[in-house]
Amino acid sequence: SETITSAEIGFKSNLSNNRVRLNGAVFYYQVDDQ
């Protein structure tokens, strides 16, 4: 069986009177017994 340990952090935003939506995230994971 695989075992995964993961982490993620990100943001969501609405700009310019809701005419622009910008989202982003960074992540890391490690799978044991891939």
Full PDB file with SEQRES, HELIX, SHEET, SSBOND, CRYST1, ORIGX, SCALE, CONECT and MASTER records, all heavy atoms in Angstrom:
SEQRES   1 A   34  SER GLU THR ILE THR SER ALA GLU ILE GLY PHE LYS SER          
SEQRES   2 A   34  ASN LEU SER ASN ASN ARG VAL ARG LEU ASN GLY ALA VAL          
SEQRES   3 A   34  PHE TYR TYR GLN VAL ASP ASP GLN                              
SHEET    1 AA1 2 THR A   3  LEU A  15  0                                        
SHEET    2 AA1 2 VAL A  20  ASP A  32 -1                                        
CRYST1    1.000    1.000    1.000  90.00  90.00  90.00 P 1           1          
ORIGX1      1.000000  0.000000  0.000000        0.00000                         
ORIGX2      0.000000  1.000000  0.000000        0.00000                         
ORIGX3      0.000000  0.000000  1.000000        0.00000                         
SCALE1      1.000000  0.000000  0.000000        0.00000                         
SCALE2      0.000000  1.000000  0.000000        0.00000                         
SCALE3      0.000000  0.000000  1.000000        0.00000                         
ATOM      1  N   SER A   1       0.827  -1.198   0.000  1.00  0.00           N  
ATOM      2  CA  SER A   1       0.000   0.000   0.000  1.00  0.00           C  
ATOM      3  C   SER A   1       0.863   1.251   0.000  1.00  0.00           C  
ATOM      4  O   SER A   1       1.954   1.284   0.587  1.00  0.00           O  
ATOM      5  CB  SER A   1      -0.917   0.017   1.231  1.00  0.00           C  
ATOM      6  OG  SER A   1      -1.783  -1.080   1.245  1.00  0.00           O  
ATOM      7  N   GLU A   2       0.363   2.281  -0.654  1.00  0.00           N  
ATOM      8  CA  GLU A   2       1.026   3.584  -0.639  1.00  0.00           C  
ATOM      9  C   GLU A   2       0.583   4.386   0.584  1.00  0.00           C  
ATOM     10  O   GLU A   2      -0.548   4.257   1.051  1.00  0.00           O  
ATOM     11  CB  GLU A   2       0.666   4.382  -1.890  1.00  0.00           C  
ATOM     12  CG  GLU A   2       1.114   3.744  -3.189  1.00  0.00           C  
ATOM     13  CD  GLU A   2       0.612   4.527  -4.387  1.00  0.00           C  
ATOM     14  OE1 GLU A   2      -0.394   5.242  -4.255  1.00  0.00           O  
ATOM     15  OE2 GLU A   2       1.232   4.415  -5.454  1.00  0.00           O  
ATOM     16  N   THR A   3       1.484   5.217   1.071  1.00  0.00           N  
ATOM     17  CA  THR A   3       1.163   6.171   2.133  1.00  0.00           C  
ATOM     18  C   THR A   3       1.663   7.537   1.703  1.00  0.00           C  
ATOM     19  O   THR A   3       2.835   7.674   1.328  1.00  0.00           O  
ATOM     20  CB  THR A   3       1.828   5.784   3.469  1.00  0.00           C  
ATOM     21  OG1 THR A   3       1.434   4.462   3.830  1.00  0.00           O  
ATOM     22  CG2 THR A   3       1.418   6.751   4.572  1.00  0.00           C  
ATOM     23  N   ILE A   4       0.789   8.521   1.726  1.00  0.00           N  
ATOM     24  CA  ILE A   4       1.166   9.855   1.261  1.00  0.00           C  
ATOM     25  C   ILE A   4       1.086  10.864   2.398  1.00  0.00           C  
ATOM     26  O   ILE A   4       0.161  10.834   3.218  1.00  0.00           O  
ATOM     27  CB  ILE A   4       0.270  10.300   0.077  1.00  0.00           C  
ATOM     28  CG1 ILE A   4       0.752  11.656  -0.472  1.00  0.00           C  
ATOM     29  CG2 ILE A   4      -1.183  10.362   0.471  1.00  0.00           C  
ATOM     30  CD1 ILE A   4       0.099  12.044  -1.775  1.00  0.00           C  
ATOM     31  N   THR A   5       2.081  11.721   2.459  1.00  0.00           N  
ATOM     32  CA  THR A   5       2.087  12.858   3.380  1.00  0.00           C  
ATOM     33  C   THR A   5       2.178  14.119   2.532  1.00  0.00           C  
ATOM     34  O   THR A   5       3.110  14.255   1.730  1.00  0.00           O  
ATOM     35  CB  THR A   5       3.288  12.793   4.341  1.00  0.00           C  
ATOM     36  OG1 THR A   5       3.249  11.558   5.059  1.00  0.00           O  
ATOM     37  CG2 THR A   5       3.261  13.952   5.318  1.00  0.00           C  
ATOM     38  N   SER A   6       1.214  15.007   2.661  1.00  0.00           N  
ATOM     39  CA  SER A   6       1.171  16.165   1.766  1.00  0.00           C  
ATOM     40  C   SER A   6       0.813  17.427   2.536  1.00  0.00           C  
ATOM     41  O   SER A   6       0.191  17.381   3.601  1.00  0.00           O  
ATOM     42  CB  SER A   6       0.143  15.941   0.647  1.00  0.00           C  
ATOM     43  OG  SER A   6      -1.162  15.824   1.182  1.00  0.00           O  
ATOM     44  N   ALA A   7       1.232  18.540   1.982  1.00  0.00           N  
ATOM     45  CA  ALA A   7       0.913  19.851   2.552  1.00  0.00           C  
ATOM     46  C   ALA A   7       0.683  20.823   1.408  1.00  0.00           C  
ATOM     47  O   ALA A   7       1.330  20.748   0.358  1.00  0.00           O  
ATOM     48  CB  ALA A   7       2.051  20.348   3.444  1.00  0.00           C  
ATOM     49  N   GLU A   8      -0.262  21.735   1.612  1.00  0.00           N  
ATOM     50  CA  GLU A   8      -0.585  22.725   0.583  1.00  0.00           C  
ATOM     51  C   GLU A   8      -1.047  24.008   1.253  1.00  0.00           C  
ATOM     52  O   GLU A   8      -1.751  23.976   2.270  1.00  0.00           O  
ATOM     53  CB  GLU A   8      -1.687  22.196  -0.339  1.00  0.00           C  
ATOM     54  CG  GLU A   8      -2.073  23.152  -1.455  1.00  0.00           C  
ATOM     55  CD  GLU A   8      -3.112  22.560  -2.396  1.00  0.00           C  
ATOM     56  OE1 GLU A   8      -3.464  21.374  -2.224  1.00  0.00           O  
ATOM     57  OE2 GLU A   8      -3.567  23.285  -3.298  1.00  0.00           O  
ATOM     58  N   ILE A   9      -0.640  25.128   0.688  1.00  0.00           N  
ATOM     59  CA  ILE A   9      -1.101  26.418   1.180  1.00  0.00           C  
ATOM     60  C   ILE A   9      -1.373  27.301  -0.033  1.00  0.00           C  
ATOM     61  O   ILE A   9      -0.640  27.250  -1.028  1.00  0.00           O  
ATOM     62  CB  ILE A   9      -0.060  27.083   2.122  1.00  0.00           C  
ATOM     63  CG1 ILE A   9      -0.620  28.369   2.715  1.00  0.00           C  
ATOM     64  CG2 ILE A   9       1.263  27.324   1.405  1.00  0.00           C  
ATOM     65  CD1 ILE A   9       0.252  28.950   3.809  1.00  0.00           C  
ATOM     66  N   GLY A  10      -2.446  28.069   0.028  1.00  0.00           N  
ATOM     67  CA  GLY A  10      -2.803  28.878  -1.125  1.00  0.00           C  
ATOM     68  C   GLY A  10      -3.700  30.042  -0.756  1.00  0.00           C  
ATOM     69  O   GLY A  10      -3.933  30.322   0.428  1.00  0.00           O  
ATOM     70  N   PHE A  11      -4.205  30.705  -1.761  1.00  0.00           N  
ATOM     71  CA  PHE A  11      -5.060  31.870  -1.546  1.00  0.00           C  
ATOM     72  C   PHE A  11      -6.085  31.961  -2.663  1.00  0.00           C  
ATOM     73  O   PHE A  11      -5.888  31.427  -3.763  1.00  0.00           O  
ATOM     74  CB  PHE A  11      -4.227  33.156  -1.491  1.00  0.00           C  
ATOM     75  CG  PHE A  11      -3.573  33.504  -2.802  1.00  0.00           C  
ATOM     76  CD1 PHE A  11      -4.216  34.305  -3.736  1.00  0.00           C  
ATOM     77  CD2 PHE A  11      -2.309  33.019  -3.107  1.00  0.00           C  
ATOM     78  CE1 PHE A  11      -3.621  34.618  -4.944  1.00  0.00           C  
ATOM     79  CE2 PHE A  11      -1.700  33.327  -4.316  1.00  0.00           C  
ATOM     80  CZ  PHE A  11      -2.359  34.131  -5.241  1.00  0.00           C  
ATOM     81  N   LYS A  12      -7.177  32.640  -2.398  1.00  0.00           N  
ATOM     82  CA  LYS A  12      -8.198  32.972  -3.381  1.00  0.00           C  
ATOM     83  C   LYS A  12      -8.518  34.444  -3.219  1.00  0.00           C  
ATOM     84  O   LYS A  12      -8.619  34.941  -2.092  1.00  0.00           O  
ATOM     85  CB  LYS A  12      -9.466  32.131  -3.186  1.00  0.00           C  
ATOM     86  CG  LYS A  12      -9.270  30.637  -3.432  1.00  0.00           C  
ATOM     87  CD  LYS A  12     -10.567  29.877  -3.220  1.00  0.00           C  
ATOM     88  CE  LYS A  12     -10.376  28.375  -3.456  1.00  0.00           C  
ATOM     89  NZ  LYS A  12     -10.096  28.076  -4.874  1.00  0.00           N  
ATOM     90  N   SER A  13      -8.691  35.169  -4.322  1.00  0.00           N  
ATOM     91  CA  SER A  13      -8.922  36.608  -4.223  1.00  0.00           C  
ATOM     92  C   SER A  13      -9.816  37.093  -5.352  1.00  0.00           C  
ATOM     93  O   SER A  13      -9.782  36.559  -6.470  1.00  0.00           O  
ATOM     94  CB  SER A  13      -7.586  37.371  -4.256  1.00  0.00           C  
ATOM     95  OG  SER A  13      -6.905  37.133  -5.465  1.00  0.00           O  
ATOM     96  N   ASN A  14     -10.613  38.116  -5.059  1.00  0.00           N  
ATOM     97  CA  ASN A  14     -11.410  38.847  -6.046  1.00  0.00           C  
ATOM     98  C   ASN A  14     -10.936  40.298  -6.046  1.00  0.00           C  
ATOM     99  O   ASN A  14     -10.889  40.944  -4.998  1.00  0.00           O  
ATOM    100  CB  ASN A  14     -12.895  38.779  -5.706  1.00  0.00           C  
ATOM    101  CG  ASN A  14     -13.474  37.394  -5.938  1.00  0.00           C  
ATOM    102  OD1 ASN A  14     -13.224  36.777  -6.959  1.00  0.00           O  
ATOM    103  ND2 ASN A  14     -14.242  36.893  -4.972  1.00  0.00           N  
ATOM    104  N   LEU A  15     -10.589  40.807  -7.229  1.00  0.00           N  
ATOM    105  CA  LEU A  15     -10.000  42.135  -7.348  1.00  0.00           C  
ATOM    106  C   LEU A  15     -10.789  42.967  -8.351  1.00  0.00           C  
ATOM    107  O   LEU A  15     -11.634  42.448  -9.085  1.00  0.00           O  
ATOM    108  CB  LEU A  15      -8.536  42.024  -7.792  1.00  0.00           C  
ATOM    109  CG  LEU A  15      -7.640  41.059  -6.995  1.00  0.00           C  
ATOM    110  CD1 LEU A  15      -6.310  40.871  -7.698  1.00  0.00           C  
ATOM    111  CD2 LEU A  15      -7.450  41.560  -5.577  1.00  0.00           C  
ATOM    112  N   SER A  16     -10.489  44.273  -8.368  1.00  0.00           N  
ATOM    113  CA  SER A  16     -11.067  45.205  -9.355  1.00  0.00           C  
ATOM    114  C   SER A  16     -12.582  45.087  -9.433  1.00  0.00           C  
ATOM    115  O   SER A  16     -13.155  44.859 -10.505  1.00  0.00           O  
ATOM    116  CB  SER A  16     -10.442  44.975 -10.742  1.00  0.00           C  
ATOM    117  OG  SER A  16      -9.056  45.185 -10.717  1.00  0.00           O  
ATOM    118  N   ASN A  17     -13.207  45.224  -8.258  1.00  0.00           N  
ATOM    119  CA  ASN A  17     -14.674  45.149  -8.189  1.00  0.00           C  
ATOM    120  C   ASN A  17     -15.205  43.841  -8.777  1.00  0.00           C  
ATOM    121  O   ASN A  17     -16.180  43.816  -9.545  1.00  0.00           O  
ATOM    122  CB  ASN A  17     -15.314  46.348  -8.904  1.00  0.00           C  
ATOM    123  CG  ASN A  17     -14.987  47.662  -8.233  1.00  0.00           C  
ATOM    124  OD1 ASN A  17     -14.953  47.749  -6.993  1.00  0.00           O  
ATOM    125  ND2 ASN A  17     -14.726  48.695  -9.030  1.00  0.00           N  
ATOM    126  N   ASN A  18     -14.519  42.759  -8.401  1.00  0.00           N  
ATOM    127  CA  ASN A  18     -14.913  41.403  -8.820  1.00  0.00           C  
ATOM    128  C   ASN A  18     -14.786  41.143 -10.323  1.00  0.00           C  
ATOM    129  O   ASN A  18     -15.363  40.184 -10.830  1.00  0.00           O  
ATOM    130  CB  ASN A  18     -16.342  41.091  -8.367  1.00  0.00           C  
ATOM    131  CG  ASN A  18     -16.473  41.010  -6.864  1.00  0.00           C  
ATOM    132  OD1 ASN A  18     -15.536  40.558  -6.176  1.00  0.00           O  
ATOM    133  ND2 ASN A  18     -17.600  41.443  -6.334  1.00  0.00           N  
ATOM    134  N   ARG A  19     -14.023  41.966 -11.011  1.00  0.00           N  
ATOM    135  CA  ARG A  19     -13.780  41.725 -12.436  1.00  0.00           C  
ATOM    136  C   ARG A  19     -12.547  40.839 -12.651  1.00  0.00           C  
ATOM    137  O   ARG A  19     -12.327  40.333 -13.756  1.00  0.00           O  
ATOM    138  CB  ARG A  19     -13.599  43.046 -13.183  1.00  0.00           C  
ATOM    139  CG  ARG A  19     -14.839  43.929 -13.179  1.00  0.00           C  
ATOM    140  CD  ARG A  19     -14.570  45.252 -13.893  1.00  0.00           C  
ATOM    141  NE  ARG A  19     -14.272  45.041 -15.303  1.00  0.00           N  
ATOM    142  CZ  ARG A  19     -15.201  45.023 -16.262  1.00  0.00           C  
ATOM    143  NH1 ARG A  19     -16.488  45.177 -15.953  1.00  0.00           N  
ATOM    144  NH2 ARG A  19     -14.860  44.840 -17.526  1.00  0.00           N  
ATOM    145  N   VAL A  20     -11.748  40.648 -11.608  1.00  0.00           N  
ATOM    146  CA  VAL A  20     -10.549  39.824 -11.689  1.00  0.00           C  
ATOM    147  C   VAL A  20     -10.556  38.833 -10.525  1.00  0.00           C  
ATOM    148  O   VAL A  20     -10.799  39.210  -9.380  1.00  0.00           O  
ATOM    149  CB  VAL A  20      -9.264  40.678 -11.631  1.00  0.00           C  
ATOM    150  CG1 VAL A  20      -8.022  39.780 -11.620  1.00  0.00           C  
ATOM    151  CG2 VAL A  20      -9.203  41.639 -12.810  1.00  0.00           C  
ATOM    152  N   ARG A  21     -10.303  37.573 -10.839  1.00  0.00           N  
ATOM    153  CA  ARG A  21     -10.177  36.538  -9.813  1.00  0.00           C  
ATOM    154  C   ARG A  21      -8.799  35.912  -9.953  1.00  0.00           C  
ATOM    155  O   ARG A  21      -8.422  35.439 -11.025  1.00  0.00           O  
ATOM    156  CB  ARG A  21     -11.257  35.473  -9.973  1.00  0.00           C  
ATOM    157  CG  ARG A  21     -11.172  34.354  -8.928  1.00  0.00           C  
ATOM    158  CD  ARG A  21     -12.208  33.261  -9.152  1.00  0.00           C  
ATOM    159  NE  ARG A  21     -13.549  33.787  -8.988  1.00  0.00           N  
ATOM    160  CZ  ARG A  21     -14.466  33.747  -9.941  1.00  0.00           C  
ATOM    161  NH1 ARG A  21     -14.183  33.225 -11.127  1.00  0.00           N  
ATOM    162  NH2 ARG A  21     -15.671  34.241  -9.715  1.00  0.00           N  
ATOM    163  N   LEU A  22      -8.027  35.911  -8.856  1.00  0.00           N  
ATOM    164  CA  LEU A  22      -6.673  35.358  -8.856  1.00  0.00           C  
ATOM    165  C   LEU A  22      -6.557  34.332  -7.737  1.00  0.00           C  
ATOM    166  O   LEU A  22      -6.823  34.648  -6.573  1.00  0.00           O  
ATOM    167  CB  LEU A  22      -5.639  36.470  -8.666  1.00  0.00           C  
ATOM    168  CG  LEU A  22      -4.171  36.022  -8.590  1.00  0.00           C  
ATOM    169  CD1 LEU A  22      -3.739  35.369  -9.904  1.00  0.00           C  
ATOM    170  CD2 LEU A  22      -3.263  37.203  -8.247  1.00  0.00           C  
ATOM    171  N   ASN A  23      -6.164  33.117  -8.089  1.00  0.00           N  
ATOM    172  CA  ASN A  23      -5.995  32.040  -7.116  1.00  0.00           C  
ATOM    173  C   ASN A  23      -4.604  31.430  -7.289  1.00  0.00           C  
ATOM    174  O   ASN A  23      -4.042  31.427  -8.388  1.00  0.00           O  
ATOM    175  CB  ASN A  23      -7.047  30.940  -7.319  1.00  0.00           C  
ATOM    176  CG  ASN A  23      -8.462  31.476  -7.274  1.00  0.00           C  
ATOM    177  OD1 ASN A  23      -8.793  32.350  -6.477  1.00  0.00           O  
ATOM    178  ND2 ASN A  23      -9.311  30.949  -8.136  1.00  0.00           N  
ATOM    179  N   GLY A  24      -4.069  30.897  -6.207  1.00  0.00           N  
ATOM    180  CA  GLY A  24      -2.754  30.261  -6.287  1.00  0.00           C  
ATOM    181  C   GLY A  24      -2.518  29.332  -5.125  1.00  0.00           C  
ATOM    182  O   GLY A  24      -3.177  29.425  -4.083  1.00  0.00           O  
ATOM    183  N   ALA A  25      -1.570  28.424  -5.294  1.00  0.00           N  
ATOM    184  CA  ALA A  25      -1.238  27.475  -4.230  1.00  0.00           C  
ATOM    185  C   ALA A  25       0.152  26.909  -4.493  1.00  0.00           C  
ATOM    186  O   ALA A  25       0.603  26.814  -5.638  1.00  0.00           O  
ATOM    187  CB  ALA A  25      -2.261  26.345  -4.165  1.00  0.00           C  
ATOM    188  N   VAL A  26       0.826  26.532  -3.419  1.00  0.00           N  
ATOM    189  CA  VAL A  26       2.069  25.770  -3.498  1.00  0.00           C  
ATOM    190  C   VAL A  26       1.852  24.486  -2.715  1.00  0.00           C  
ATOM    191  O   VAL A  26       1.065  24.450  -1.760  1.00  0.00           O  
ATOM    192  CB  VAL A  26       3.272  26.558  -2.936  1.00  0.00           C  
ATOM    193  CG1 VAL A  26       3.565  27.763  -3.803  1.00  0.00           C  
ATOM    194  CG2 VAL A  26       3.016  26.993  -1.495  1.00  0.00           C  
ATOM    195  N   PHE A  27       2.536  23.413  -3.107  1.00  0.00           N  
ATOM    196  CA  PHE A  27       2.296  22.125  -2.472  1.00  0.00           C  
ATOM    197  C   PHE A  27       3.586  21.318  -2.395  1.00  0.00           C  
ATOM    198  O   PHE A  27       4.553  21.560  -3.113  1.00  0.00           O  
ATOM    199  CB  PHE A  27       1.236  21.334  -3.246  1.00  0.00           C  
ATOM    200  CG  PHE A  27       1.659  20.943  -4.636  1.00  0.00           C  
ATOM    201  CD1 PHE A  27       2.370  19.776  -4.888  1.00  0.00           C  
ATOM    202  CD2 PHE A  27       1.366  21.768  -5.716  1.00  0.00           C  
ATOM    203  CE1 PHE A  27       2.775  19.431  -6.162  1.00  0.00           C  
ATOM    204  CE2 PHE A  27       1.749  21.424  -7.009  1.00  0.00           C  
ATOM    205  CZ  PHE A  27       2.470  20.250  -7.225  1.00  0.00           C  
ATOM    206  N   TYR A  28       3.560  20.339  -1.509  1.00  0.00           N  
ATOM    207  CA  TYR A  28       4.633  19.351  -1.375  1.00  0.00           C  
ATOM    208  C   TYR A  28       4.000  18.045  -0.939  1.00  0.00           C  
ATOM    209  O   TYR A  28       3.066  18.036  -0.130  1.00  0.00           O  
ATOM    210  CB  TYR A  28       5.677  19.791  -0.336  1.00  0.00           C  
ATOM    211  CG  TYR A  28       6.649  18.671  -0.001  1.00  0.00           C  
ATOM    212  CD1 TYR A  28       7.755  18.413  -0.802  1.00  0.00           C  
ATOM    213  CD2 TYR A  28       6.432  17.858   1.121  1.00  0.00           C  
ATOM    214  CE1 TYR A  28       8.633  17.376  -0.515  1.00  0.00           C  
ATOM    215  CE2 TYR A  28       7.309  16.818   1.420  1.00  0.00           C  
ATOM    216  CZ  TYR A  28       8.400  16.584   0.599  1.00  0.00           C  
ATOM    217  OH  TYR A  28       9.258  15.545   0.886  1.00  0.00           O  
ATOM    218  N   TYR A  29       4.501  16.929  -1.475  1.00  0.00           N  
ATOM    219  CA  TYR A  29       4.056  15.637  -0.974  1.00  0.00           C  
ATOM    220  C   TYR A  29       5.155  14.595  -1.095  1.00  0.00           C  
ATOM    221  O   TYR A  29       6.061  14.713  -1.920  1.00  0.00           O  
ATOM    222  CB  TYR A  29       2.776  15.165  -1.662  1.00  0.00           C  
ATOM    223  CG  TYR A  29       2.881  14.817  -3.124  1.00  0.00           C  
ATOM    224  CD1 TYR A  29       3.371  13.579  -3.545  1.00  0.00           C  
ATOM    225  CD2 TYR A  29       2.458  15.713  -4.097  1.00  0.00           C  
ATOM    226  CE1 TYR A  29       3.448  13.249  -4.880  1.00  0.00           C  
ATOM    227  CE2 TYR A  29       2.525  15.384  -5.445  1.00  0.00           C  
ATOM    228  CZ  TYR A  29       3.015  14.155  -5.827  1.00  0.00           C  
ATOM    229  OH  TYR A  29       3.095  13.830  -7.152  1.00  0.00           O  
ATOM    230  N   GLN A  30       5.058  13.590  -0.247  1.00  0.00           N  
ATOM    231  CA  GLN A  30       5.956  12.443  -0.288  1.00  0.00           C  
ATOM    232  C   GLN A  30       5.112  11.182  -0.210  1.00  0.00           C  
ATOM    233  O   GLN A  30       4.260  11.049   0.663  1.00  0.00           O  
ATOM    234  CB  GLN A  30       6.949  12.475   0.867  1.00  0.00           C  
ATOM    235  CG  GLN A  30       7.858  11.245   0.920  1.00  0.00           C  
ATOM    236  CD  GLN A  30       8.851  11.316   2.054  1.00  0.00           C  
ATOM    237  OE1 GLN A  30       9.795  12.114   2.022  1.00  0.00           O  
ATOM    238  NE2 GLN A  30       8.642  10.504   3.073  1.00  0.00           N  
ATOM    239  N   VAL A  31       5.343  10.273  -1.145  1.00  0.00           N  
ATOM    240  CA  VAL A  31       4.633   9.004  -1.173  1.00  0.00           C  
ATOM    241  C   VAL A  31       5.606   7.907  -0.774  1.00  0.00           C  
ATOM    242  O   VAL A  31       6.639   7.715  -1.424  1.00  0.00           O  
ATOM    243  CB  VAL A  31       4.052   8.706  -2.567  1.00  0.00           C  
ATOM    244  CG1 VAL A  31       3.263   7.388  -2.537  1.00  0.00           C  
ATOM    245  CG2 VAL A  31       3.160   9.840  -3.032  1.00  0.00           C  
ATOM    246  N   ASP A  32       5.296   7.193   0.289  1.00  0.00           N  
ATOM    247  CA  ASP A  32       6.075   6.021   0.684  1.00  0.00           C  
ATOM    248  C   ASP A  32       5.494   4.795  -0.009  1.00  0.00           C  
ATOM    249  O   ASP A  32       4.273   4.623  -0.086  1.00  0.00           O  
ATOM    250  CB  ASP A  32       6.037   5.838   2.204  1.00  0.00           C  
ATOM    251  CG  ASP A  32       6.732   6.966   2.940  1.00  0.00           C  
ATOM    252  OD1 ASP A  32       7.767   7.445   2.443  1.00  0.00           O  
ATOM    253  OD2 ASP A  32       6.237   7.382   4.001  1.00  0.00           O  
ATOM    254  N   ASP A  33       6.383   3.937  -0.510  1.00  0.00           N  
ATOM    255  CA  ASP A  33       5.984   2.734  -1.247  1.00  0.00           C  
ATOM    256  C   ASP A  33       5.151   3.089  -2.484  1.00  0.00           C  
ATOM    257  O   ASP A  33       4.102   2.496  -2.736  1.00  0.00           O  
ATOM    258  CB  ASP A  33       5.204   1.771  -0.341  1.00  0.00           C  
ATOM    259  CG  ASP A  33       6.053   1.242   0.798  1.00  0.00           C  
ATOM    260  OD1 ASP A  33       7.230   0.929   0.553  1.00  0.00           O  
ATOM    261  OD2 ASP A  33       5.542   1.152   1.938  1.00  0.00           O  
ATOM    262  N   GLN A  34       5.636   4.045  -3.246  1.00  0.00           N  
ATOM    263  CA  GLN A  34       4.956   4.454  -4.469  1.00  0.00           C  
ATOM    264  C   GLN A  34       4.816   3.267  -5.425  1.00  0.00           C  
ATOM    265  O   GLN A  34       5.790   2.600  -5.767  1.00  0.00           O  
ATOM    266  CB  GLN A  34       5.749   5.562  -5.151  1.00  0.00           C  
ATOM    267  CG  GLN A  34       5.299   5.908  -6.553  1.00  0.00           C  
ATOM    268  CD  GLN A  34       4.055   6.779  -6.573  1.00  0.00           C  
ATOM    269  OE1 GLN A  34       4.063   7.873  -6.034  1.00  0.00           O  
ATOM    270  NE2 GLN A  34       2.993   6.282  -7.190  1.00  0.00           N  
TER     271      GLN A  34                                                      
MASTER        0    0    0    0    2    0    0    6  270    1    0    3          
END                                                                             
